[in-house]
């Protein structure tokens, strides 16, 4: 029915298939910057994450936060994907809040923003760091 808002269910480390992860990446803007055609890579991303939080609505995953962490000092929030139809409704912020709960209060969250999200993160409390560096592969090391 129109006008009825369906309940969103959040889960920490639920079973999630590679196909489900790829689908939420495609339905957000993140699919353009992830190796969604490299099943081995995506499978490794899902299997080796320390924390995966999903947001599900009507049995469909509409959001996912994927993080790698030591649970004490730092947590790299490598993916925050929310279905385009559900963006600007608090889903992304709630996913991050749940990650924060999982890692503890002393552990800081670090991320690299997608170009479309650079204005989003300051609004929810992130500070921009001017000296982040990326090396894309072993071949890049000189």
C-alpha atoms as a PDB file:
ATOM      1  CA  UNK A   1       0.000   0.000   0.000  1.00  0.00           C
ATOM      2  CA  UNK A   2       1.177   3.499  -0.726  1.00  0.00           C
ATOM      3  CA  UNK A   3       2.132   5.606   2.247  1.00  0.00           C
ATOM      4  CA  UNK A   4       2.985   2.664   4.471  1.00  0.00           C
ATOM      5  CA  UNK A   5       6.619   2.658   5.528  1.00  0.00           C
ATOM      6  CA  UNK A   6       7.997  -0.843   5.805  1.00  0.00           C
ATOM      7  CA  UNK A   7      10.108  -1.732   8.822  1.00  0.00           C
ATOM      8  CA  UNK A   8      13.853  -1.882   8.258  1.00  0.00           C
ATOM      9  CA  UNK A   9      15.678  -4.720   9.997  1.00  0.00           C
ATOM     10  CA  UNK A  10      19.385  -4.368  10.827  1.00  0.00           C
ATOM     11  CA  UNK A  11      21.624  -7.394  11.374  1.00  0.00           C
ATOM     12  CA  UNK A  12      25.275  -7.780  12.329  1.00  0.00           C
ATOM     13  CA  UNK A  13      27.268 -10.406  10.435  1.00  0.00           C
ATOM     14  CA  UNK A  14      24.290 -12.180   8.882  1.00  0.00           C
ATOM     15  CA  UNK A  15      24.867 -14.732   6.162  1.00  0.00           C
ATOM     16  CA  UNK A  16      25.121 -12.718   2.936  1.00  0.00           C
ATOM     17  CA  UNK A  17      25.836 -14.190  -0.463  1.00  0.00           C
ATOM     18  CA  UNK A  18      28.190 -12.716  -3.030  1.00  0.00           C
ATOM     19  CA  UNK A  19      25.171 -12.139  -5.296  1.00  0.00           C
ATOM     20  CA  UNK A  20      23.295 -10.243  -2.561  1.00  0.00           C
ATOM     21  CA  UNK A  21      26.353  -8.066  -1.906  1.00  0.00           C
ATOM     22  CA  UNK A  22      26.785  -7.337  -5.622  1.00  0.00           C
ATOM     23  CA  UNK A  23      23.086  -6.467  -5.900  1.00  0.00           C
ATOM     24  CA  UNK A  24      23.217  -3.859  -3.121  1.00  0.00           C
ATOM     25  CA  UNK A  25      26.423  -2.421  -4.617  1.00  0.00           C
ATOM     26  CA  UNK A  26      24.678  -2.115  -7.998  1.00  0.00           C
ATOM     27  CA  UNK A  27      21.568  -0.546  -6.454  1.00  0.00           C
ATOM     28  CA  UNK A  28      23.682   2.090  -4.704  1.00  0.00           C
ATOM     29  CA  UNK A  29      26.247   4.251  -6.469  1.00  0.00           C
ATOM     30  CA  UNK A  30      29.092   2.050  -5.176  1.00  0.00           C
ATOM     31  CA  UNK A  31      28.847  -0.622  -7.877  1.00  0.00           C
ATOM     32  CA  UNK A  32      30.691   1.686 -10.285  1.00  0.00           C
ATOM     33  CA  UNK A  33      33.794   1.624  -8.077  1.00  0.00           C
ATOM     34  CA  UNK A  34      33.827  -1.989  -6.945  1.00  0.00           C
ATOM     35  CA  UNK A  35      35.015  -5.060  -8.882  1.00  0.00           C
ATOM     36  CA  UNK A  36      31.504  -6.482  -9.242  1.00  0.00           C
ATOM     37  CA  UNK A  37      32.547  -8.608 -12.226  1.00  0.00           C
ATOM     38  CA  UNK A  38      35.371 -10.252 -10.242  1.00  0.00           C
ATOM     39  CA  UNK A  39      33.457 -12.882  -8.260  1.00  0.00           C
ATOM     40  CA  UNK A  40      36.599 -14.194  -6.528  1.00  0.00           C
ATOM     41  CA  UNK A  41      37.438 -10.696  -5.276  1.00  0.00           C
ATOM     42  CA  UNK A  42      33.870  -9.928  -4.136  1.00  0.00           C
ATOM     43  CA  UNK A  43      33.663 -13.313  -2.414  1.00  0.00           C
ATOM     44  CA  UNK A  44      36.921 -12.543  -0.569  1.00  0.00           C
ATOM     45  CA  UNK A  45      35.584  -9.122   0.411  1.00  0.00           C
ATOM     46  CA  UNK A  46      32.520 -10.727   1.999  1.00  0.00           C
ATOM     47  CA  UNK A  47      34.309 -13.682   3.605  1.00  0.00           C
ATOM     48  CA  UNK A  48      37.189 -11.683   5.095  1.00  0.00           C
ATOM     49  CA  UNK A  49      35.307  -8.686   6.464  1.00  0.00           C
ATOM     50  CA  UNK A  50      35.391  -8.378  10.240  1.00  0.00           C
ATOM     51  CA  UNK A  51      31.986  -6.691  10.367  1.00  0.00           C
ATOM     52  CA  UNK A  52      29.123  -6.687   7.899  1.00  0.00           C
ATOM     53  CA  UNK A  53      25.920  -4.914   8.875  1.00  0.00           C
ATOM     54  CA  UNK A  54      22.881  -5.233   6.644  1.00  0.00           C
ATOM     55  CA  UNK A  55      19.670  -3.247   6.406  1.00  0.00           C
ATOM     56  CA  UNK A  56      16.794  -5.324   5.070  1.00  0.00           C
ATOM     57  CA  UNK A  57      13.344  -4.197   4.031  1.00  0.00           C
ATOM     58  CA  UNK A  58      10.705  -6.626   2.807  1.00  0.00           C
ATOM     59  CA  UNK A  59      13.329  -9.442   2.630  1.00  0.00           C
ATOM     60  CA  UNK A  60      15.565  -7.345   0.344  1.00  0.00           C
ATOM     61  CA  UNK A  61      18.947  -6.013   1.425  1.00  0.00           C
ATOM     62  CA  UNK A  62      18.758  -2.244   0.928  1.00  0.00           C
ATOM     63  CA  UNK A  63      21.977  -1.326   2.701  1.00  0.00           C
ATOM     64  CA  UNK A  64      25.289  -2.773   3.815  1.00  0.00           C
ATOM     65  CA  UNK A  65      28.276  -1.565   5.793  1.00  0.00           C
ATOM     66  CA  UNK A  66      31.435  -3.670   5.438  1.00  0.00           C
ATOM     67  CA  UNK A  67      34.430  -3.070   7.698  1.00  0.00           C
ATOM     68  CA  UNK A  68      37.889  -4.397   8.498  1.00  0.00           C
ATOM     69  CA  UNK A  69      39.104  -3.678  12.035  1.00  0.00           C
ATOM     70  CA  UNK A  70      41.336  -4.559  14.979  1.00  0.00           C
ATOM     71  CA  UNK A  71      38.413  -3.614  17.310  1.00  0.00           C
ATOM     72  CA  UNK A  72      40.665  -1.379  19.432  1.00  0.00           C
ATOM     73  CA  UNK A  73      42.392   1.383  17.488  1.00  0.00           C
ATOM     74  CA  UNK A  74      41.004   1.633  13.973  1.00  0.00           C
ATOM     75  CA  UNK A  75      38.227   0.385  11.753  1.00  0.00           C
ATOM     76  CA  UNK A  76      38.313   0.823   8.002  1.00  0.00           C
ATOM     77  CA  UNK A  77      34.767   1.216   6.742  1.00  0.00           C
ATOM     78  CA  UNK A  78      35.450  -0.084   3.273  1.00  0.00           C
ATOM     79  CA  UNK A  79      31.887  -0.108   1.960  1.00  0.00           C
ATOM     80  CA  UNK A  80      28.770   1.823   2.864  1.00  0.00           C
ATOM     81  CA  UNK A  81      26.163   1.074   0.225  1.00  0.00           C
ATOM     82  CA  UNK A  82      22.519   2.106   0.424  1.00  0.00           C
ATOM     83  CA  UNK A  83      19.991   1.488  -2.328  1.00  0.00           C
ATOM     84  CA  UNK A  84      19.412   4.748  -4.220  1.00  0.00           C
ATOM     85  CA  UNK A  85      15.676   4.558  -3.455  1.00  0.00           C
ATOM     86  CA  UNK A  86      16.416   4.529   0.300  1.00  0.00           C
ATOM     87  CA  UNK A  87      19.177   7.141   0.481  1.00  0.00           C
ATOM     88  CA  UNK A  88      18.616  10.246   2.633  1.00  0.00           C
ATOM     89  CA  UNK A  89      16.384   8.275   4.995  1.00  0.00           C
ATOM     90  CA  UNK A  90      18.901   7.554   7.789  1.00  0.00           C
ATOM     91  CA  UNK A  91      19.850   4.023   6.700  1.00  0.00           C
ATOM     92  CA  UNK A  92      23.536   4.832   6.110  1.00  0.00           C
ATOM     93  CA  UNK A  93      23.868   6.648   9.431  1.00  0.00           C
ATOM     94  CA  UNK A  94      22.194   3.749  11.273  1.00  0.00           C
ATOM     95  CA  UNK A  95      24.569   1.249   9.605  1.00  0.00           C
ATOM     96  CA  UNK A  96      27.551   3.331  10.799  1.00  0.00           C
ATOM     97  CA  UNK A  97      26.092   3.593  14.326  1.00  0.00           C
ATOM     98  CA  UNK A  98      25.841  -0.197  14.493  1.00  0.00           C
ATOM     99  CA  UNK A  99      29.459  -0.551  13.297  1.00  0.00           C
ATOM    100  CA  UNK A 100      30.466   1.886  16.074  1.00  0.00           C
ATOM    101  CA  UNK A 101      28.651  -0.255  18.643  1.00  0.00           C
ATOM    102  CA  UNK A 102      30.483  -3.365  17.404  1.00  0.00           C
ATOM    103  CA  UNK A 103      33.981  -1.830  17.529  1.00  0.00           C
ATOM    104  CA  UNK A 104      33.785  -0.009  20.863  1.00  0.00           C
ATOM    105  CA  UNK A 105      34.136   3.622  21.817  1.00  0.00           C
ATOM    106  CA  UNK A 106      37.934   4.015  21.556  1.00  0.00           C
ATOM    107  CA  UNK A 107      38.146   2.632  18.025  1.00  0.00           C
ATOM    108  CA  UNK A 108      37.977   5.244  15.257  1.00  0.00           C
ATOM    109  CA  UNK A 109      36.297   4.738  11.894  1.00  0.00           C
ATOM    110  CA  UNK A 110      38.337   5.581   8.798  1.00  0.00           C
ATOM    111  CA  UNK A 111      36.949   5.645   5.264  1.00  0.00           C
ATOM    112  CA  UNK A 112      37.597   6.856   1.751  1.00  0.00           C
ATOM    113  CA  UNK A 113      34.522   8.648   0.469  1.00  0.00           C
ATOM    114  CA  UNK A 114      32.914   8.029  -2.876  1.00  0.00           C
ATOM    115  CA  UNK A 115      32.932  11.284  -4.874  1.00  0.00           C
ATOM    116  CA  UNK A 116      29.130  11.566  -4.565  1.00  0.00           C
ATOM    117  CA  UNK A 117      29.310  11.231  -0.764  1.00  0.00           C
ATOM    118  CA  UNK A 118      31.908  13.873   0.110  1.00  0.00           C
ATOM    119  CA  UNK A 119      29.204  16.233   1.386  1.00  0.00           C
ATOM    120  CA  UNK A 120      27.392  13.483   3.332  1.00  0.00           C
ATOM    121  CA  UNK A 121      30.092  12.461   5.803  1.00  0.00           C
ATOM    122  CA  UNK A 122      30.710  15.906   7.388  1.00  0.00           C
ATOM    123  CA  UNK A 123      26.934  16.216   7.979  1.00  0.00           C
ATOM    124  CA  UNK A 124      26.971  13.119  10.201  1.00  0.00           C
ATOM    125  CA  UNK A 125      30.113  14.020  12.149  1.00  0.00           C
ATOM    126  CA  UNK A 126      33.120  12.828  10.135  1.00  0.00           C
ATOM    127  CA  UNK A 127      36.162  15.088   9.911  1.00  0.00           C
ATOM    128  CA  UNK A 128      38.096  15.290   6.663  1.00  0.00           C
ATOM    129  CA  UNK A 129      41.710  14.120   6.875  1.00  0.00           C
ATOM    130  CA  UNK A 130      44.061  15.925   4.516  1.00  0.00           C
ATOM    131  CA  UNK A 131      46.829  13.321   4.356  1.00  0.00           C
ATOM    132  CA  UNK A 132      45.216  10.041   3.314  1.00  0.00           C
ATOM    133  CA  UNK A 133      47.254   8.024   0.807  1.00  0.00           C
ATOM    134  CA  UNK A 134      46.419   5.084  -1.439  1.00  0.00           C
ATOM    135  CA  UNK A 135      48.629   2.656  -3.347  1.00  0.00           C
ATOM    136  CA  UNK A 136      46.530   0.577  -5.706  1.00  0.00           C
ATOM    137  CA  UNK A 137      48.726  -2.498  -6.175  1.00  0.00           C
ATOM    138  CA  UNK A 138      52.155  -3.986  -5.518  1.00  0.00           C
ATOM    139  CA  UNK A 139      53.285  -2.612  -8.858  1.00  0.00           C
ATOM    140  CA  UNK A 140      52.611   0.902  -7.585  1.00  0.00           C
ATOM    141  CA  UNK A 141      55.328   0.700  -4.920  1.00  0.00           C
ATOM    142  CA  UNK A 142      58.504   2.358  -6.220  1.00  0.00           C
END
